[in-house]
Amino acid sequence: MSARSTRSTVKFFHPFSLNGQSEVLPAGDYEIIVEEELLESMSFLAYRKTATYLIVTGHGRTEMREISGDDLEAVLSRDRSSQNP
């Protein structure tokens, strides 16, 4: 089975918390890692997302926190709707 990872950066303009976690994370840039696996039974090249991680750095350590793609989109949407015009 072949797998791939893609990295991107998202910017939070306001402090936020992840679904199911009480910790409030500060505004700033966060790296996102998306892992996907190759669907070998297809007659064309296709991948399925298997995990999404938010990289959180603080207190002298770095953590990969798993988050669903839907939860990430919801947190980003709330952050964007909180911006002043």
PDB file of N, CA and C in Angstrom:
ATOM      1  N   MET A   1       0.842  -1.172   0.000  1.00  0.00           N
ATOM      2  CA  MET A   1       0.000   0.000   0.000  1.00  0.00           C
ATOM      3  C   MET A   1       0.893   1.243   0.000  1.00  0.00           C
ATOM      4  N   SER A   2       0.607   2.157  -0.910  1.00  0.00           N
ATOM      5  CA  SER A   2       1.355   3.408  -0.983  1.00  0.00           C
ATOM      6  C   SER A   2       0.624   4.497  -0.226  1.00  0.00           C
ATOM      7  N   ALA A   3       1.395   5.351   0.412  1.00  0.00           N
ATOM      8  CA  ALA A   3       0.811   6.452   1.171  1.00  0.00           C
ATOM      9  C   ALA A   3       1.560   7.725   0.820  1.00  0.00           C
ATOM     10  N   ARG A   4       0.903   8.845   1.077  1.00  0.00           N
ATOM     11  CA  ARG A   4       1.556  10.137   0.886  1.00  0.00           C
ATOM     12  C   ARG A   4       1.077  11.093   1.960  1.00  0.00           C
ATOM     13  N   SER A   5       1.890  12.089   2.214  1.00  0.00           N
ATOM     14  CA  SER A   5       1.546  13.137   3.174  1.00  0.00           C
ATOM     15  C   SER A   5       1.691  14.480   2.482  1.00  0.00           C
ATOM     16  N   THR A   6       0.759  15.379   2.765  1.00  0.00           N
ATOM     17  CA  THR A   6       0.861  16.739   2.254  1.00  0.00           C
ATOM     18  C   THR A   6       0.848  17.686   3.442  1.00  0.00           C
ATOM     19  N   ARG A   7       1.589  18.770   3.303  1.00  0.00           N
ATOM     20  CA  ARG A   7       1.697  19.764   4.368  1.00  0.00           C
ATOM     21  C   ARG A   7       1.184  21.097   3.853  1.00  0.00           C
ATOM     22  N   SER A   8       0.513  21.809   4.746  1.00  0.00           N
ATOM     23  CA  SER A   8       0.062  23.161   4.430  1.00  0.00           C
ATOM     24  C   SER A   8       0.068  23.961   5.725  1.00  0.00           C
ATOM     25  N   THR A   9      -0.120  25.251   5.602  1.00  0.00           N
ATOM     26  CA  THR A   9      -0.148  26.128   6.764  1.00  0.00           C
ATOM     27  C   THR A   9      -1.467  26.884   6.775  1.00  0.00           C
ATOM     28  N   VAL A  10      -2.080  26.965   7.943  1.00  0.00           N
ATOM     29  CA  VAL A  10      -3.296  27.762   8.113  1.00  0.00           C
ATOM     30  C   VAL A  10      -3.015  28.846   9.148  1.00  0.00           C
ATOM     31  N   LYS A  11      -3.719  29.955   9.025  1.00  0.00           N
ATOM     32  CA  LYS A  11      -3.546  31.065   9.956  1.00  0.00           C
ATOM     33  C   LYS A  11      -4.832  31.255  10.741  1.00  0.00           C
ATOM     34  N   PHE A  12      -4.693  31.254  12.061  1.00  0.00           N
ATOM     35  CA  PHE A  12      -5.806  31.580  12.949  1.00  0.00           C
ATOM     36  C   PHE A  12      -5.602  33.017  13.426  1.00  0.00           C
ATOM     37  N   PHE A  13      -6.623  33.827  13.286  1.00  0.00           N
ATOM     38  CA  PHE A  13      -6.557  35.232  13.672  1.00  0.00           C
ATOM     39  C   PHE A  13      -6.950  35.443  15.130  1.00  0.00           C
ATOM     40  N   HIS A  14      -7.591  34.440  15.717  1.00  0.00           N
ATOM     41  CA  HIS A  14      -8.078  34.528  17.096  1.00  0.00           C
ATOM     42  C   HIS A  14      -7.701  33.255  17.849  1.00  0.00           C
ATOM     43  N   PRO A  15      -7.574  33.307  19.165  1.00  0.00           N
ATOM     44  CA  PRO A  15      -7.378  32.072  19.941  1.00  0.00           C
ATOM     45  C   PRO A  15      -8.536  31.105  19.650  1.00  0.00           C
ATOM     46  N   PHE A  16      -8.261  29.820  19.741  1.00  0.00           N
ATOM     47  CA  PHE A  16      -9.271  28.814  19.389  1.00  0.00           C
ATOM     48  C   PHE A  16      -9.056  27.552  20.198  1.00  0.00           C
ATOM     49  N   SER A  17     -10.056  26.698  20.205  1.00  0.00           N
ATOM     50  CA  SER A  17      -9.920  25.383  20.825  1.00  0.00           C
ATOM     51  C   SER A  17     -10.446  24.339  19.853  1.00  0.00           C
ATOM     52  N   LEU A  18      -9.911  23.141  19.974  1.00  0.00           N
ATOM     53  CA  LEU A  18     -10.329  22.037  19.122  1.00  0.00           C
ATOM     54  C   LEU A  18     -11.517  21.325  19.742  1.00  0.00           C
ATOM     55  N   ASN A  19     -12.324  20.728  18.924  1.00  0.00           N
ATOM     56  CA  ASN A  19     -13.503  19.996  19.370  1.00  0.00           C
ATOM     57  C   ASN A  19     -13.105  18.938  20.394  1.00  0.00           C
ATOM     58  N   GLY A  20     -13.744  18.976  21.560  1.00  0.00           N
ATOM     59  CA  GLY A  20     -13.487  17.994  22.595  1.00  0.00           C
ATOM     60  C   GLY A  20     -12.282  18.291  23.469  1.00  0.00           C
ATOM     61  N   GLN A  21     -11.645  19.449  23.276  1.00  0.00           N
ATOM     62  CA  GLN A  21     -10.482  19.816  24.088  1.00  0.00           C
ATOM     63  C   GLN A  21     -10.735  21.170  24.734  1.00  0.00           C
ATOM     64  N   SER A  22     -10.386  21.300  26.004  1.00  0.00           N
ATOM     65  CA  SER A  22     -10.631  22.551  26.720  1.00  0.00           C
ATOM     66  C   SER A  22      -9.493  23.556  26.539  1.00  0.00           C
ATOM     67  N   GLU A  23      -8.324  23.098  26.144  1.00  0.00           N
ATOM     68  CA  GLU A  23      -7.177  23.992  25.975  1.00  0.00           C
ATOM     69  C   GLU A  23      -7.433  25.009  24.870  1.00  0.00           C
ATOM     70  N   VAL A  24      -7.145  26.268  25.166  1.00  0.00           N
ATOM     71  CA  VAL A  24      -7.276  27.332  24.170  1.00  0.00           C
ATOM     72  C   VAL A  24      -5.892  27.563  23.572  1.00  0.00           C
ATOM     73  N   LEU A  25      -5.813  27.440  22.253  1.00  0.00           N
ATOM     74  CA  LEU A  25      -4.559  27.633  21.539  1.00  0.00           C
ATOM     75  C   LEU A  25      -4.475  29.075  21.041  1.00  0.00           C
ATOM     76  N   PRO A  26      -3.273  29.643  21.012  1.00  0.00           N
ATOM     77  CA  PRO A  26      -3.142  31.039  20.599  1.00  0.00           C
ATOM     78  C   PRO A  26      -3.314  31.216  19.094  1.00  0.00           C
ATOM     79  N   ALA A  27      -3.681  32.428  18.702  1.00  0.00           N
ATOM     80  CA  ALA A  27      -3.744  32.773  17.284  1.00  0.00           C
ATOM     81  C   ALA A  27      -2.352  32.610  16.684  1.00  0.00           C
ATOM     82  N   GLY A  28      -2.293  32.372  15.390  1.00  0.00           N
ATOM     83  CA  GLY A  28      -1.001  32.244  14.712  1.00  0.00           C
ATOM     84  C   GLY A  28      -1.064  31.258  13.571  1.00  0.00           C
ATOM     85  N   ASP A  29       0.091  30.957  13.006  1.00  0.00           N
ATOM     86  CA  ASP A  29       0.211  30.013  11.903  1.00  0.00           C
ATOM     87  C   ASP A  29       0.406  28.603  12.455  1.00  0.00           C
ATOM     88  N   TYR A  30      -0.318  27.654  11.878  1.00  0.00           N
ATOM     89  CA  TYR A  30      -0.224  26.251  12.286  1.00  0.00           C
ATOM     90  C   TYR A  30      -0.047  25.385  11.052  1.00  0.00           C
ATOM     91  N   GLU A  31       0.826  24.399  11.177  1.00  0.00           N
ATOM     92  CA  GLU A  31       1.040  23.454  10.092  1.00  0.00           C
ATOM     93  C   GLU A  31      -0.017  22.350  10.168  1.00  0.00           C
ATOM     94  N   ILE A  32      -0.514  21.969   9.002  1.00  0.00           N
ATOM     95  CA  ILE A  32      -1.477  20.869   8.865  1.00  0.00           C
ATOM     96  C   ILE A  32      -0.814  19.773   8.042  1.00  0.00           C
ATOM     97  N   ILE A  33      -0.919  18.541   8.497  1.00  0.00           N
ATOM     98  CA  ILE A  33      -0.426  17.388   7.740  1.00  0.00           C
ATOM     99  C   ILE A  33      -1.621  16.496   7.442  1.00  0.00           C
ATOM    100  N   VAL A  34      -1.785  16.165   6.169  1.00  0.00           N
ATOM    101  CA  VAL A  34      -2.855  15.262   5.738  1.00  0.00           C
ATOM    102  C   VAL A  34      -2.200  14.002   5.185  1.00  0.00           C
ATOM    103  N   GLU A  35      -2.575  12.862   5.742  1.00  0.00           N
ATOM    104  CA  GLU A  35      -2.069  11.576   5.264  1.00  0.00           C
ATOM    105  C   GLU A  35      -3.148  10.902   4.425  1.00  0.00           C
ATOM    106  N   GLU A  36      -2.712  10.323   3.308  1.00  0.00           N
ATOM    107  CA  GLU A  36      -3.633   9.648   2.392  1.00  0.00           C
ATOM    108  C   GLU A  36      -3.028   8.314   1.955  1.00  0.00           C
ATOM    109  N   GLU A  37      -3.903   7.377   1.627  1.00  0.00           N
ATOM    110  CA  GLU A  37      -3.440   6.092   1.114  1.00  0.00           C
ATOM    111  C   GLU A  37      -3.959   5.892  -0.303  1.00  0.00           C
ATOM    112  N   LEU A  38      -3.152   5.226  -1.112  1.00  0.00           N
ATOM    113  CA  LEU A  38      -3.507   4.940  -2.493  1.00  0.00           C
ATOM    114  C   LEU A  38      -4.601   3.880  -2.531  1.00  0.00           C
ATOM    115  N   LEU A  39      -5.636   4.131  -3.320  1.00  0.00           N
ATOM    116  CA  LEU A  39      -6.698   3.131  -3.526  1.00  0.00           C
ATOM    117  C   LEU A  39      -6.270   2.275  -4.708  1.00  0.00           C
ATOM    118  N   GLU A  40      -5.741   1.113  -4.406  1.00  0.00           N
ATOM    119  CA  GLU A  40      -5.136   0.271  -5.442  1.00  0.00           C
ATOM    120  C   GLU A  40      -6.151  -0.452  -6.320  1.00  0.00           C
ATOM    121  N   SER A  41      -7.377  -0.550  -5.897  1.00  0.00           N
ATOM    122  CA  SER A  41      -8.373  -1.283  -6.675  1.00  0.00           C
ATOM    123  C   SER A  41      -8.998  -0.423  -7.777  1.00  0.00           C
ATOM    124  N   MET A  42      -8.597   0.822  -7.867  1.00  0.00           N
ATOM    125  CA  MET A  42      -9.170   1.717  -8.870  1.00  0.00           C
ATOM    126  C   MET A  42      -8.403   1.592 -10.181  1.00  0.00           C
ATOM    127  N   SER A  43      -9.070   1.891 -11.281  1.00  0.00           N
ATOM    128  CA  SER A  43      -8.408   1.854 -12.585  1.00  0.00           C
ATOM    129  C   SER A  43      -7.729   3.188 -12.900  1.00  0.00           C
ATOM    130  N   PHE A  44      -7.791   4.116 -11.966  1.00  0.00           N
ATOM    131  CA  PHE A  44      -7.129   5.415 -12.102  1.00  0.00           C
ATOM    132  C   PHE A  44      -6.508   5.764 -10.762  1.00  0.00           C
ATOM    133  N   LEU A  45      -5.620   6.729 -10.757  1.00  0.00           N
ATOM    134  CA  LEU A  45      -4.924   7.120  -9.542  1.00  0.00           C
ATOM    135  C   LEU A  45      -5.876   7.849  -8.602  1.00  0.00           C
ATOM    136  N   ALA A  46      -6.073   7.287  -7.406  1.00  0.00           N
ATOM    137  CA  ALA A  46      -6.973   7.902  -6.424  1.00  0.00           C
ATOM    138  C   ALA A  46      -6.447   7.636  -5.022  1.00  0.00           C
ATOM    139  N   TYR A  47      -6.629   8.623  -4.148  1.00  0.00           N
ATOM    140  CA  TYR A  47      -6.200   8.520  -2.761  1.00  0.00           C
ATOM    141  C   TYR A  47      -7.381   8.756  -1.829  1.00  0.00           C
ATOM    142  N   ARG A  48      -7.297   8.160  -0.640  1.00  0.00           N
ATOM    143  CA  ARG A  48      -8.297   8.356   0.403  1.00  0.00           C
ATOM    144  C   ARG A  48      -7.599   8.936   1.623  1.00  0.00           C
ATOM    145  N   LYS A  49      -8.191  10.008   2.190  1.00  0.00           N
ATOM    146  CA  LYS A  49      -7.624  10.630   3.381  1.00  0.00           C
ATOM    147  C   LYS A  49      -7.759   9.671   4.556  1.00  0.00           C
ATOM    148  N   THR A  50      -6.656   9.457   5.274  1.00  0.00           N
ATOM    149  CA  THR A  50      -6.689   8.566   6.428  1.00  0.00           C
ATOM    150  C   THR A  50      -6.525   9.318   7.745  1.00  0.00           C
ATOM    151  N   ALA A  51      -5.895  10.495   7.710  1.00  0.00           N
ATOM    152  CA  ALA A  51      -5.707  11.264   8.949  1.00  0.00           C
ATOM    153  C   ALA A  51      -5.343  12.710   8.618  1.00  0.00           C
ATOM    154  N   THR A  52      -5.756  13.598   9.520  1.00  0.00           N
ATOM    155  CA  THR A  52      -5.378  15.009   9.441  1.00  0.00           C
ATOM    156  C   THR A  52      -4.817  15.394  10.803  1.00  0.00           C
ATOM    157  N   TYR A  53      -3.676  16.074  10.803  1.00  0.00           N
ATOM    158  CA  TYR A  53      -3.015  16.468  12.048  1.00  0.00           C
ATOM    159  C   TYR A  53      -2.771  17.970  12.071  1.00  0.00           C
ATOM    160  N   LEU A  54      -2.959  18.567  13.232  1.00  0.00           N
ATOM    161  CA  LEU A  54      -2.611  19.952  13.491  1.00  0.00           C
ATOM    162  C   LEU A  54      -1.340  19.920  14.329  1.00  0.00           C
ATOM    163  N   ILE A  55      -0.293  20.606  13.886  1.00  0.00           N
ATOM    164  CA  ILE A  55       0.967  20.630  14.611  1.00  0.00           C
ATOM    165  C   ILE A  55       0.916  21.789  15.610  1.00  0.00           C
ATOM    166  N   VAL A  56       1.056  21.459  16.896  1.00  0.00           N
ATOM    167  CA  VAL A  56       0.981  22.445  17.978  1.00  0.00           C
ATOM    168  C   VAL A  56       2.337  22.497  18.674  1.00  0.00           C
ATOM    169  N   THR A  57       2.926  23.694  18.705  1.00  0.00           N
ATOM    170  CA  THR A  57       4.224  23.896  19.337  1.00  0.00           C
ATOM    171  C   THR A  57       4.052  24.815  20.533  1.00  0.00           C
ATOM    172  N   GLY A  58       4.640  24.433  21.638  1.00  0.00           N
ATOM    173  CA  GLY A  58       4.588  25.272  22.828  1.00  0.00           C
ATOM    174  C   GLY A  58       5.186  24.569  24.025  1.00  0.00           C
ATOM    175  N   HIS A  59       5.627  25.336  24.978  1.00  0.00           N
ATOM    176  CA  HIS A  59       6.215  24.803  26.208  1.00  0.00           C
ATOM    177  C   HIS A  59       7.384  23.870  25.914  1.00  0.00           C
ATOM    178  N   GLY A  60       8.166  24.204  24.880  1.00  0.00           N
ATOM    179  CA  GLY A  60       9.362  23.436  24.562  1.00  0.00           C
ATOM    180  C   GLY A  60       9.127  22.109  23.874  1.00  0.00           C
ATOM    181  N   ARG A  61       7.920  21.869  23.359  1.00  0.00           N
ATOM    182  CA  ARG A  61       7.655  20.599  22.670  1.00  0.00           C
ATOM    183  C   ARG A  61       6.719  20.828  21.481  1.00  0.00           C
ATOM    184  N   THR A  62       6.701  19.851  20.598  1.00  0.00           N
ATOM    185  CA  THR A  62       5.837  19.889  19.418  1.00  0.00           C
ATOM    186  C   THR A  62       4.966  18.643  19.432  1.00  0.00           C
ATOM    187  N   GLU A  63       3.665  18.836  19.206  1.00  0.00           N
ATOM    188  CA  GLU A  63       2.715  17.717  19.202  1.00  0.00           C
ATOM    189  C   GLU A  63       1.952  17.677  17.882  1.00  0.00           C
ATOM    190  N   MET A  64       1.660  16.458  17.450  1.00  0.00           N
ATOM    191  CA  MET A  64       0.762  16.255  16.312  1.00  0.00           C
ATOM    192  C   MET A  64      -0.586  15.874  16.905  1.00  0.00           C
ATOM    193  N   ARG A  65      -1.575  16.735  16.721  1.00  0.00           N
ATOM    194  CA  ARG A  65      -2.907  16.445  17.257  1.00  0.00           C
ATOM    195  C   ARG A  65      -3.835  16.074  16.108  1.00  0.00           C
ATOM    196  N   GLU A  66      -4.381  14.871  16.184  1.00  0.00           N
ATOM    197  CA  GLU A  66      -5.284  14.427  15.132  1.00  0.00           C
ATOM    198  C   GLU A  66      -6.588  15.209  15.222  1.00  0.00           C
ATOM    199  N   ILE A  67      -7.088  15.613  14.060  1.00  0.00           N
ATOM    200  CA  ILE A  67      -8.323  16.373  13.977  1.00  0.00           C
ATOM    201  C   ILE A  67      -9.029  15.934  12.693  1.00  0.00           C
ATOM    202  N   SER A  68     -10.340  15.869  12.729  1.00  0.00           N
ATOM    203  CA  SER A  68     -11.049  15.505  11.501  1.00  0.00           C
ATOM    204  C   SER A  68     -11.024  16.700  10.551  1.00  0.00           C
ATOM    205  N   GLY A  69     -11.084  16.425   9.279  1.00  0.00           N
ATOM    206  CA  GLY A  69     -11.126  17.495   8.288  1.00  0.00           C
ATOM    207  C   GLY A  69     -12.324  18.402   8.503  1.00  0.00           C
ATOM    208  N   ASP A  70     -13.470  17.817   8.894  1.00  0.00           N
ATOM    209  CA  ASP A  70     -14.675  18.616   9.154  1.00  0.00           C
ATOM    210  C   ASP A  70     -14.485  19.539  10.353  1.00  0.00           C
ATOM    211  N   ASP A  71     -13.861  19.029  11.424  1.00  0.00           N
ATOM    212  CA  ASP A  71     -13.606  19.860  12.606  1.00  0.00           C
ATOM    213  C   ASP A  71     -12.648  20.996  12.276  1.00  0.00           C
ATOM    214  N   LEU A  72     -11.623  20.710  11.476  1.00  0.00           N
ATOM    215  CA  LEU A  72     -10.679  21.752  11.080  1.00  0.00           C
ATOM    216  C   LEU A  72     -11.398  22.849  10.294  1.00  0.00           C
ATOM    217  N   GLU A  73     -12.232  22.463   9.357  1.00  0.00           N
ATOM    218  CA  GLU A  73     -12.979  23.450   8.578  1.00  0.00           C
ATOM    219  C   GLU A  73     -13.909  24.271   9.462  1.00  0.00           C
ATOM    220  N   ALA A  74     -14.535  23.636  10.449  1.00  0.00           N
ATOM    221  CA  ALA A  74     -15.441  24.351  11.355  1.00  0.00           C
ATOM    222  C   ALA A  74     -14.683  25.369  12.210  1.00  0.00           C
ATOM    223  N   VAL A  75     -13.513  24.980  12.724  1.00  0.00           N
ATOM    224  CA  VAL A  75     -12.717  25.896  13.544  1.00  0.00           C
ATOM    225  C   VAL A  75     -12.237  27.075  12.694  1.00  0.00           C
ATOM    226  N   LEU A  76     -11.782  26.798  11.480  1.00  0.00           N
ATOM    227  CA  LEU A  76     -11.343  27.875  10.592  1.00  0.00           C
ATOM    228  C   LEU A  76     -12.502  28.797  10.225  1.00  0.00           C
ATOM    229  N   SER A  77     -13.663  28.228   9.986  1.00  0.00           N
ATOM    230  CA  SER A  77     -14.844  29.031   9.642  1.00  0.00           C
ATOM    231  C   SER A  77     -15.232  29.948  10.797  1.00  0.00           C
ATOM    232  N   ARG A  78     -15.234  29.416  12.020  1.00  0.00           N
ATOM    233  CA  ARG A  78     -15.540  30.252  13.191  1.00  0.00           C
ATOM    234  C   ARG A  78     -14.527  31.377  13.337  1.00  0.00           C
ATOM    235  N   ASP A  79     -13.257  31.062  13.101  1.00  0.00           N
ATOM    236  CA  ASP A  79     -12.204  32.062  13.211  1.00  0.00           C
ATOM    237  C   ASP A  79     -12.419  33.174  12.178  1.00  0.00           C
ATOM    238  N   ARG A  80     -12.756  32.808  10.959  1.00  0.00           N
ATOM    239  CA  ARG A  80     -12.953  33.800   9.895  1.00  0.00           C
ATOM    240  C   ARG A  80     -14.188  34.646  10.149  1.00  0.00           C
ATOM    241  N   SER A  81     -15.242  34.035  10.692  1.00  0.00           N
ATOM    242  CA  SER A  81     -16.480  34.794  10.943  1.00  0.00           C
ATOM    243  C   SER A  81     -16.332  35.749  12.122  1.00  0.00           C
ATOM    244  N   SER A  82     -15.288  35.562  12.935  1.00  0.00           N
ATOM    245  CA  SER A  82     -15.049  36.427  14.085  1.00  0.00           C
ATOM    246  C   SER A  82     -14.252  37.675  13.715  1.00  0.00           C
ATOM    247  N   GLN A  83     -13.734  37.722  12.489  1.00  0.00           N
ATOM    248  CA  GLN A  83     -12.936  38.864  12.072  1.00  0.00           C
ATOM    249  C   GLN A  83     -13.787  40.106  11.911  1.00  0.00           C
ATOM    250  N   ASN A  84     -13.224  41.239  12.285  1.00  0.00           N
ATOM    251  CA  ASN A  84     -13.890  42.515  12.070  1.00  0.00           C
ATOM    252  C   ASN A  84     -13.621  42.982  10.646  1.00  0.00           C
ATOM    253  N   PRO A  85     -14.641  43.547   9.976  1.00  0.00           N
ATOM    254  CA  PRO A  85     -14.428  43.998   8.587  1.00  0.00           C
ATOM    255  C   PRO A  85     -13.493  45.183   8.514  1.00  0.00           C
TER     256      PRO A  85
END
